[in-house]
N, C-alpha and C. Protein backbone atom coordinates (compact mmCIF):
# COMPACT_ATOMS: atom_id res chain seq x y z
N MET A 1 2.57 1.30 -21.48
CA MET A 1 3.76 1.56 -20.68
C MET A 1 4.13 3.04 -20.84
N HIS A 2 3.80 3.85 -19.86
CA HIS A 2 4.12 5.28 -19.91
C HIS A 2 5.54 5.57 -19.45
N GLU A 3 6.26 4.56 -19.00
CA GLU A 3 7.63 4.75 -18.54
C GLU A 3 8.54 5.24 -19.66
N ILE A 4 8.25 4.88 -20.92
CA ILE A 4 9.09 5.34 -22.03
C ILE A 4 8.98 6.85 -22.19
N GLY A 5 7.78 7.38 -22.00
CA GLY A 5 7.59 8.83 -22.06
C GLY A 5 8.29 9.54 -20.91
N ILE A 6 8.24 8.93 -19.74
CA ILE A 6 8.91 9.51 -18.57
C ILE A 6 10.42 9.48 -18.76
N ALA A 7 10.95 8.37 -19.25
CA ALA A 7 12.39 8.26 -19.52
C ALA A 7 12.80 9.31 -20.55
N ASN A 8 12.00 9.49 -21.57
CA ASN A 8 12.30 10.49 -22.59
C ASN A 8 12.29 11.90 -21.99
N SER A 9 11.35 12.18 -21.11
CA SER A 9 11.28 13.50 -20.46
C SER A 9 12.51 13.73 -19.58
N ILE A 10 12.96 12.71 -18.89
CA ILE A 10 14.17 12.83 -18.07
C ILE A 10 15.36 13.16 -18.96
N LEU A 11 15.47 12.47 -20.09
CA LEU A 11 16.58 12.71 -21.00
C LEU A 11 16.52 14.10 -21.62
N GLU A 12 15.33 14.58 -21.91
CA GLU A 12 15.19 15.95 -22.44
C GLU A 12 15.64 16.97 -21.41
N ALA A 13 15.30 16.74 -20.14
CA ALA A 13 15.74 17.64 -19.07
C ALA A 13 17.27 17.62 -18.96
N VAL A 14 17.87 16.45 -19.09
CA VAL A 14 19.33 16.34 -19.05
C VAL A 14 19.93 17.11 -20.22
N ARG A 15 19.38 16.93 -21.40
CA ARG A 15 19.91 17.63 -22.59
C ARG A 15 19.81 19.14 -22.43
N MET A 16 18.69 19.61 -21.91
CA MET A 16 18.52 21.05 -21.70
C MET A 16 19.53 21.58 -20.69
N GLU A 17 19.75 20.84 -19.64
CA GLU A 17 20.70 21.27 -18.61
C GLU A 17 22.12 21.26 -19.17
N MET A 18 22.43 20.30 -20.02
CA MET A 18 23.78 20.20 -20.57
C MET A 18 24.10 21.36 -21.51
N LEU A 19 23.10 22.01 -22.06
CA LEU A 19 23.34 23.20 -22.89
C LEU A 19 23.96 24.32 -22.06
N ARG A 20 23.68 24.33 -20.77
CA ARG A 20 24.22 25.35 -19.87
C ARG A 20 25.68 25.08 -19.51
N TYR A 21 26.12 23.83 -19.68
CA TYR A 21 27.48 23.42 -19.28
C TYR A 21 28.13 22.64 -20.43
N PRO A 22 28.52 23.32 -21.49
CA PRO A 22 29.02 22.61 -22.69
C PRO A 22 30.32 21.86 -22.51
N ALA A 23 31.13 22.17 -21.52
CA ALA A 23 32.42 21.50 -21.35
C ALA A 23 32.31 20.31 -20.39
N THR A 24 31.12 19.79 -20.23
CA THR A 24 30.91 18.67 -19.32
C THR A 24 30.11 17.57 -20.01
N ARG A 25 30.10 16.41 -19.37
CA ARG A 25 29.25 15.32 -19.86
C ARG A 25 28.47 14.77 -18.65
N PRO A 26 27.24 14.37 -18.87
CA PRO A 26 26.44 13.84 -17.76
C PRO A 26 26.88 12.43 -17.39
N MET A 27 26.94 12.16 -16.10
CA MET A 27 27.36 10.85 -15.62
C MET A 27 26.21 10.09 -14.93
N ARG A 28 25.42 10.85 -14.15
CA ARG A 28 24.36 10.21 -13.37
C ARG A 28 23.23 11.21 -13.20
N VAL A 29 22.01 10.72 -13.37
CA VAL A 29 20.83 11.54 -13.12
C VAL A 29 19.97 10.79 -12.09
N ALA A 30 19.50 11.54 -11.11
CA ALA A 30 18.69 10.93 -10.05
C ALA A 30 17.29 11.52 -10.08
N VAL A 31 16.32 10.65 -9.90
CA VAL A 31 14.92 11.08 -9.83
C VAL A 31 14.28 10.53 -8.56
N ARG A 32 13.27 11.25 -8.08
CA ARG A 32 12.47 10.79 -6.94
C ARG A 32 11.12 10.38 -7.48
N VAL A 33 10.72 9.16 -7.13
CA VAL A 33 9.46 8.60 -7.60
C VAL A 33 8.62 8.23 -6.38
N GLY A 34 7.45 8.81 -6.30
CA GLY A 34 6.55 8.51 -5.20
C GLY A 34 5.85 7.18 -5.37
N GLU A 35 5.51 6.59 -4.27
CA GLU A 35 4.81 5.30 -4.23
C GLU A 35 3.51 5.34 -5.03
N LEU A 36 2.84 6.50 -5.04
CA LEU A 36 1.55 6.63 -5.72
C LEU A 36 1.67 7.12 -7.16
N ALA A 37 2.88 7.27 -7.66
CA ALA A 37 3.08 7.80 -9.01
C ALA A 37 2.79 6.77 -10.11
N ALA A 38 2.56 5.53 -9.72
CA ALA A 38 2.23 4.46 -10.67
C ALA A 38 3.33 4.26 -11.71
N ILE A 39 4.56 4.25 -11.24
CA ILE A 39 5.71 4.04 -12.12
C ILE A 39 6.44 2.79 -11.67
N ASP A 40 6.70 1.92 -12.62
CA ASP A 40 7.46 0.70 -12.35
C ASP A 40 8.94 1.03 -12.50
N PRO A 41 9.70 1.02 -11.41
CA PRO A 41 11.13 1.38 -11.50
C PRO A 41 11.92 0.52 -12.47
N ASP A 42 11.63 -0.78 -12.54
CA ASP A 42 12.35 -1.65 -13.47
C ASP A 42 12.05 -1.29 -14.92
N ALA A 43 10.79 -0.99 -15.19
CA ALA A 43 10.41 -0.59 -16.56
C ALA A 43 11.05 0.75 -16.91
N LEU A 44 11.11 1.66 -15.96
CA LEU A 44 11.73 2.96 -16.20
C LEU A 44 13.22 2.79 -16.49
N GLN A 45 13.90 1.95 -15.73
CA GLN A 45 15.33 1.67 -15.98
C GLN A 45 15.52 1.08 -17.38
N PHE A 46 14.67 0.12 -17.75
CA PHE A 46 14.77 -0.52 -19.06
C PHE A 46 14.59 0.50 -20.18
N CYS A 47 13.57 1.32 -20.07
CA CYS A 47 13.30 2.33 -21.10
C CYS A 47 14.42 3.35 -21.19
N PHE A 48 14.92 3.77 -20.04
CA PHE A 48 16.02 4.74 -20.00
C PHE A 48 17.24 4.17 -20.72
N HIS A 49 17.57 2.93 -20.41
CA HIS A 49 18.73 2.28 -21.06
C HIS A 49 18.50 2.16 -22.57
N ALA A 50 17.31 1.77 -22.96
CA ALA A 50 17.01 1.62 -24.39
C ALA A 50 17.13 2.94 -25.13
N LEU A 51 16.70 4.03 -24.50
CA LEU A 51 16.75 5.34 -25.15
C LEU A 51 18.15 5.95 -25.20
N THR A 52 19.02 5.52 -24.30
CA THR A 52 20.38 6.09 -24.29
C THR A 52 21.39 5.25 -25.07
N GLN A 53 21.05 4.00 -25.29
CA GLN A 53 21.96 3.09 -25.99
C GLN A 53 22.28 3.64 -27.37
N ASP A 54 23.54 3.61 -27.74
CA ASP A 54 24.02 4.08 -29.04
C ASP A 54 23.74 5.57 -29.29
N THR A 55 23.73 6.36 -28.22
CA THR A 55 23.58 7.81 -28.34
C THR A 55 24.74 8.47 -27.61
N ASN A 56 24.80 9.79 -27.67
CA ASN A 56 25.85 10.50 -26.92
C ASN A 56 25.60 10.46 -25.41
N LEU A 57 24.47 9.92 -24.98
CA LEU A 57 24.17 9.76 -23.55
C LEU A 57 24.35 8.33 -23.09
N ALA A 58 24.93 7.48 -23.94
CA ALA A 58 25.18 6.09 -23.54
C ALA A 58 26.08 6.08 -22.31
N GLY A 59 25.77 5.25 -21.36
CA GLY A 59 26.53 5.18 -20.13
C GLY A 59 26.00 6.05 -19.01
N LEU A 60 25.07 6.94 -19.33
CA LEU A 60 24.45 7.78 -18.30
C LEU A 60 23.66 6.88 -17.36
N GLN A 61 23.93 7.01 -16.07
CA GLN A 61 23.28 6.16 -15.07
C GLN A 61 22.02 6.84 -14.54
N LEU A 62 20.97 6.06 -14.36
CA LEU A 62 19.72 6.55 -13.77
C LEU A 62 19.60 5.99 -12.37
N GLU A 63 19.47 6.87 -11.40
CA GLU A 63 19.27 6.47 -10.02
C GLU A 63 17.84 6.84 -9.63
N ILE A 64 17.10 5.87 -9.11
CA ILE A 64 15.71 6.10 -8.74
C ILE A 64 15.58 6.00 -7.23
N GLU A 65 15.11 7.08 -6.62
CA GLU A 65 14.84 7.10 -5.19
C GLU A 65 13.34 6.91 -5.00
N PHE A 66 12.96 5.83 -4.35
CA PHE A 66 11.56 5.53 -4.11
C PHE A 66 11.10 6.26 -2.85
N CYS A 67 10.02 7.02 -2.94
CA CYS A 67 9.52 7.81 -1.82
C CYS A 67 8.17 7.26 -1.35
N PRO A 68 8.07 6.87 -0.09
CA PRO A 68 6.81 6.32 0.41
C PRO A 68 5.75 7.40 0.58
N ARG A 69 4.52 6.96 0.68
CA ARG A 69 3.42 7.87 0.96
C ARG A 69 3.53 8.32 2.41
N THR A 70 3.51 9.63 2.63
CA THR A 70 3.60 10.14 3.99
C THR A 70 2.40 11.02 4.31
N HIS A 71 2.02 10.97 5.58
CA HIS A 71 0.92 11.79 6.10
C HIS A 71 1.40 12.54 7.33
N ARG A 72 0.64 13.53 7.72
CA ARG A 72 0.89 14.29 8.95
C ARG A 72 -0.40 14.34 9.75
N CYS A 73 -0.24 14.17 11.04
CA CYS A 73 -1.38 14.23 11.95
C CYS A 73 -1.61 15.68 12.36
N PRO A 74 -2.81 16.22 12.12
CA PRO A 74 -3.07 17.60 12.52
C PRO A 74 -3.19 17.77 14.04
N GLN A 75 -3.39 16.68 14.74
CA GLN A 75 -3.55 16.76 16.19
C GLN A 75 -2.22 16.82 16.92
N CYS A 76 -1.29 15.90 16.58
CA CYS A 76 -0.02 15.84 17.32
C CYS A 76 1.20 16.20 16.45
N SER A 77 0.98 16.52 15.18
CA SER A 77 2.03 16.94 14.23
C SER A 77 3.04 15.85 13.88
N THR A 78 2.70 14.59 14.12
CA THR A 78 3.57 13.48 13.75
C THR A 78 3.52 13.28 12.23
N THR A 79 4.68 13.14 11.63
CA THR A 79 4.78 12.79 10.21
C THR A 79 5.16 11.32 10.14
N PHE A 80 4.45 10.56 9.27
CA PHE A 80 4.68 9.11 9.23
C PHE A 80 4.44 8.56 7.84
N ALA A 81 5.10 7.44 7.56
CA ALA A 81 4.88 6.71 6.30
C ALA A 81 3.65 5.84 6.47
N VAL A 82 2.80 5.87 5.47
CA VAL A 82 1.57 5.08 5.49
C VAL A 82 1.89 3.65 5.08
N ALA A 83 1.44 2.71 5.87
CA ALA A 83 1.62 1.29 5.56
C ALA A 83 0.26 0.74 5.11
N GLY A 84 0.23 0.21 3.88
CA GLY A 84 -1.04 -0.29 3.34
C GLY A 84 -2.02 0.86 3.19
N PHE A 85 -3.20 0.68 3.76
CA PHE A 85 -4.21 1.74 3.71
C PHE A 85 -4.57 2.21 5.12
N ASP A 86 -3.64 2.08 6.03
CA ASP A 86 -3.85 2.51 7.41
C ASP A 86 -3.33 3.93 7.56
N PHE A 87 -4.26 4.89 7.54
CA PHE A 87 -3.90 6.30 7.60
C PHE A 87 -3.89 6.84 9.03
N ARG A 88 -4.11 5.98 10.01
CA ARG A 88 -4.13 6.41 11.41
C ARG A 88 -2.75 6.85 11.87
N CYS A 89 -2.75 7.87 12.69
CA CYS A 89 -1.50 8.35 13.27
C CYS A 89 -0.95 7.29 14.22
N PRO A 90 0.31 6.89 14.05
CA PRO A 90 0.88 5.88 14.95
C PRO A 90 1.15 6.42 16.36
N GLN A 91 1.18 7.74 16.49
CA GLN A 91 1.46 8.36 17.78
C GLN A 91 0.21 8.49 18.65
N CYS A 92 -0.86 9.10 18.08
CA CYS A 92 -2.05 9.39 18.88
C CYS A 92 -3.28 8.61 18.45
N GLY A 93 -3.22 7.93 17.29
CA GLY A 93 -4.33 7.12 16.83
C GLY A 93 -5.39 7.86 16.03
N ARG A 94 -5.24 9.14 15.81
CA ARG A 94 -6.23 9.90 15.04
C ARG A 94 -6.36 9.30 13.65
N GLU A 95 -7.60 9.13 13.19
CA GLU A 95 -7.84 8.50 11.88
C GLU A 95 -7.78 9.47 10.73
N GLN A 96 -8.09 10.73 10.95
CA GLN A 96 -8.08 11.71 9.87
C GLN A 96 -6.75 12.45 9.86
N THR A 97 -5.90 12.05 8.92
CA THR A 97 -4.57 12.66 8.78
C THR A 97 -4.46 13.31 7.40
N LYS A 98 -3.47 14.15 7.22
CA LYS A 98 -3.30 14.92 5.99
C LYS A 98 -2.20 14.33 5.11
N PHE A 99 -2.52 14.15 3.85
CA PHE A 99 -1.54 13.67 2.86
C PHE A 99 -0.44 14.71 2.68
N LEU A 100 0.82 14.26 2.70
CA LEU A 100 1.96 15.16 2.47
C LEU A 100 2.67 14.87 1.16
N SER A 101 3.05 13.62 0.95
CA SER A 101 3.82 13.29 -0.24
C SER A 101 3.68 11.81 -0.57
N GLY A 102 4.17 11.48 -1.76
CA GLY A 102 4.13 10.10 -2.21
C GLY A 102 3.67 9.97 -3.65
N ASP A 103 3.30 11.11 -4.26
CA ASP A 103 2.87 11.07 -5.65
C ASP A 103 3.83 11.82 -6.57
N GLN A 104 5.01 12.16 -6.06
CA GLN A 104 5.94 12.99 -6.82
C GLN A 104 6.71 12.20 -7.88
N LEU A 105 7.11 12.94 -8.88
CA LEU A 105 8.07 12.48 -9.88
C LEU A 105 8.90 13.70 -10.18
N GLU A 106 10.13 13.72 -9.68
CA GLU A 106 10.94 14.93 -9.82
C GLU A 106 12.39 14.59 -10.08
N LEU A 107 13.02 15.46 -10.83
CA LEU A 107 14.45 15.36 -11.07
C LEU A 107 15.15 15.82 -9.81
N ALA A 108 15.94 14.96 -9.21
CA ALA A 108 16.59 15.27 -7.93
C ALA A 108 17.98 15.85 -8.13
N SER A 109 18.76 15.27 -9.03
CA SER A 109 20.12 15.77 -9.25
C SER A 109 20.67 15.28 -10.58
N LEU A 110 21.70 15.99 -11.01
CA LEU A 110 22.41 15.61 -12.23
C LEU A 110 23.91 15.75 -11.92
N GLU A 111 24.62 14.65 -12.03
CA GLU A 111 26.06 14.65 -11.80
C GLU A 111 26.76 14.72 -13.14
N VAL A 112 27.68 15.69 -13.26
CA VAL A 112 28.41 15.86 -14.51
C VAL A 112 29.91 15.77 -14.26
N GLU A 113 30.63 15.54 -15.33
CA GLU A 113 32.08 15.45 -15.25
C GLU A 113 32.65 16.37 -16.33
N GLU A 114 33.67 17.11 -15.97
CA GLU A 114 34.31 17.97 -16.95
C GLU A 114 35.12 17.14 -17.93
N TYR A 115 35.12 17.55 -19.19
CA TYR A 115 35.97 16.89 -20.18
C TYR A 115 37.42 17.19 -19.84
N GLU A 116 38.26 16.19 -20.01
CA GLU A 116 39.70 16.39 -19.76
C GLU A 116 40.30 17.11 -20.97
N SER A 117 41.18 18.03 -20.67
CA SER A 117 41.86 18.77 -21.72
C SER A 117 42.90 17.88 -22.39
N ASN A 118 42.94 17.93 -23.71
CA ASN A 118 43.91 17.13 -24.46
C ASN A 118 45.13 17.95 -24.87
N SER A 119 45.30 19.13 -24.31
CA SER A 119 46.43 19.96 -24.69
C SER A 119 47.71 19.45 -24.05
N ALA A 120 48.78 19.47 -24.80
CA ALA A 120 50.06 18.96 -24.29
C ALA A 120 50.97 20.08 -23.90
């Protein structure tokens, strides 16, 4: 299960980013996961929760955006999501299309909240 390593890498990125904003706390981190990245979203959520439990990052929410495999037709410039293993362009029928995306794993966003001042 490589999802534990991925969850740990996400948390390290959050920790590094939080060094830049010391008066805030992270609330939500979003990642984009491509269909071909071979990542089980449920396993990633489980590992993320396990690694944050009983830490200063407890309660940090992980949002996973699933990205389908997309291709582009060099003939008609149509961009389309690949269904199954059918790489044909749905517009013109060309069989040889170019891979665009679907294997990514990227940090999309980090939502933070400022600490409330306790001064009276």
